[in-house]
Amino acid sequence: MKLILGWLGICFAVLGVLSIGLQDQIPPEDNLLDVPESILLTIVGVFCMYVGREYLPAGIGYLFGGDDGGDG
């Protein structure tokens, strides 16, 4: 379940960020998400990535994890 949430989180976050970034280039009749919906989708994506962080690739999982090795 966490594996699926992690990868869905990546998809949601990328889709939300792209939708925000390309808001001006997309014609209004073809635009699926408004800016508030895009922000919400991005936040949900980041939350899903946080939940599934242990199953994400090292570069992305590192953003959400602390130092798991410890000093001892």
C-alpha atoms as a PDB file:
ATOM      1  CA  MET A   1       0.000   0.000   0.000  1.00  0.00           C
ATOM      2  CA  LYS A   2       2.812   2.411   0.857  1.00  0.00           C
ATOM      3  CA  LEU A   3       4.516   1.605  -2.423  1.00  0.00           C
ATOM      4  CA  ILE A   4       1.397   2.600  -4.351  1.00  0.00           C
ATOM      5  CA  LEU A   5       0.905   5.753  -2.269  1.00  0.00           C
ATOM      6  CA  GLY A   6       4.508   6.811  -2.799  1.00  0.00           C
ATOM      7  CA  TRP A   7       4.357   6.512  -6.566  1.00  0.00           C
ATOM      8  CA  LEU A   8       0.872   8.057  -6.765  1.00  0.00           C
ATOM      9  CA  GLY A   9       2.247  10.922  -4.721  1.00  0.00           C
ATOM     10  CA  ILE A  10       4.962  11.501  -7.305  1.00  0.00           C
ATOM     11  CA  CYS A  11       2.374  11.514 -10.084  1.00  0.00           C
ATOM     12  CA  PHE A  12       0.000  13.850  -8.215  1.00  0.00           C
ATOM     13  CA  ALA A  13       2.748  16.300  -7.277  1.00  0.00           C
ATOM     14  CA  VAL A  14       4.179  16.437 -10.793  1.00  0.00           C
ATOM     15  CA  LEU A  15       0.721  16.871 -12.316  1.00  0.00           C
ATOM     16  CA  GLY A  16      -0.145  19.628  -9.845  1.00  0.00           C
ATOM     17  CA  VAL A  17       3.107  21.520 -10.380  1.00  0.00           C
ATOM     18  CA  LEU A  18       2.849  21.230 -14.172  1.00  0.00           C
ATOM     19  CA  SER A  19      -0.745  22.406 -14.063  1.00  0.00           C
ATOM     20  CA  ILE A  20       0.259  25.465 -12.024  1.00  0.00           C
ATOM     21  CA  GLY A  21       3.259  26.207 -14.226  1.00  0.00           C
ATOM     22  CA  LEU A  22       1.419  25.841 -17.513  1.00  0.00           C
ATOM     23  CA  GLN A  23      -1.777  27.586 -16.400  1.00  0.00           C
ATOM     24  CA  ASP A  24      -1.240  30.521 -18.810  1.00  0.00           C
ATOM     25  CA  GLN A  25      -0.309  28.393 -21.837  1.00  0.00           C
ATOM     26  CA  ILE A  26      -3.337  26.063 -21.688  1.00  0.00           C
ATOM     27  CA  PRO A  27      -6.561  27.416 -23.240  1.00  0.00           C
ATOM     28  CA  PRO A  28      -9.345  27.800 -20.639  1.00  0.00           C
ATOM     29  CA  GLU A  29     -11.592  25.248 -22.348  1.00  0.00           C
ATOM     30  CA  ASP A  30      -8.839  22.588 -22.196  1.00  0.00           C
ATOM     31  CA  ASN A  31      -7.743  23.357 -18.645  1.00  0.00           C
ATOM     32  CA  LEU A  32      -8.714  20.536 -16.274  1.00  0.00           C
ATOM     33  CA  LEU A  33      -7.561  22.054 -12.978  1.00  0.00           C
ATOM     34  CA  ASP A  34      -7.783  25.559 -11.568  1.00  0.00           C
ATOM     35  CA  VAL A  35      -4.945  26.948  -9.457  1.00  0.00           C
ATOM     36  CA  PRO A  36      -6.521  26.049  -6.065  1.00  0.00           C
ATOM     37  CA  GLU A  37      -7.200  22.511  -7.287  1.00  0.00           C
ATOM     38  CA  SER A  38      -3.623  22.233  -8.556  1.00  0.00           C
ATOM     39  CA  ILE A  39      -2.248  23.386  -5.215  1.00  0.00           C
ATOM     40  CA  LEU A  40      -4.441  20.868  -3.397  1.00  0.00           C
ATOM     41  CA  LEU A  41      -3.324  18.091  -5.748  1.00  0.00           C
ATOM     42  CA  THR A  42       0.315  19.011  -5.123  1.00  0.00           C
ATOM     43  CA  ILE A  43      -0.189  18.978  -1.340  1.00  0.00           C
ATOM     44  CA  VAL A  44      -1.932  15.603  -1.501  1.00  0.00           C
ATOM     45  CA  GLY A  45       0.924  14.330  -3.670  1.00  0.00           C
ATOM     46  CA  VAL A  46       3.554  15.469  -1.187  1.00  0.00           C
ATOM     47  CA  PHE A  47       1.614  13.842   1.661  1.00  0.00           C
ATOM     48  CA  CYS A  48       1.359  10.561  -0.261  1.00  0.00           C
ATOM     49  CA  MET A  49       5.091  10.700  -0.997  1.00  0.00           C
ATOM     50  CA  TYR A  50       5.731  11.233   2.718  1.00  0.00           C
ATOM     51  CA  VAL A  51       3.640   8.198   3.633  1.00  0.00           C
ATOM     52  CA  GLY A  52       5.397   5.981   1.071  1.00  0.00           C
ATOM     53  CA  ARG A  53       8.853   7.545   1.443  1.00  0.00           C
ATOM     54  CA  GLU A  54      10.616   4.267   2.241  1.00  0.00           C
ATOM     55  CA  TYR A  55       9.638   2.819  -1.144  1.00  0.00           C
ATOM     56  CA  LEU A  56      10.623   5.823  -3.259  1.00  0.00           C
ATOM     57  CA  PRO A  57      13.904   6.159  -5.143  1.00  0.00           C
ATOM     58  CA  ALA A  58      16.802   7.328  -2.994  1.00  0.00           C
ATOM     59  CA  GLY A  59      16.835  10.930  -4.218  1.00  0.00           C
ATOM     60  CA  ILE A  60      13.162  11.534  -3.497  1.00  0.00           C
ATOM     61  CA  GLY A  61      12.984   9.482  -0.305  1.00  0.00           C
ATOM     62  CA  TYR A  62      15.977  11.391   1.051  1.00  0.00           C
ATOM     63  CA  LEU A  63      13.950  14.623   1.009  1.00  0.00           C
ATOM     64  CA  PHE A  64      11.496  13.200   3.556  1.00  0.00           C
ATOM     65  CA  GLY A  65      13.784  11.138   5.772  1.00  0.00           C
ATOM     66  CA  GLY A  66      16.195  12.133   8.450  1.00  0.00           C
ATOM     67  CA  ASP A  67      19.455  10.420   9.263  1.00  0.00           C
ATOM     68  CA  ASP A  68      18.288   6.854   9.832  1.00  0.00           C
ATOM     69  CA  GLY A  69      21.802   5.511  10.443  1.00  0.00           C
ATOM     70  CA  GLY A  70      22.440   7.206  13.770  1.00  0.00           C
ATOM     71  CA  ASP A  71      25.860   7.856  15.298  1.00  0.00           C
ATOM     72  CA  GLY A  72      26.231   4.580  17.182  1.00  0.00           C
END
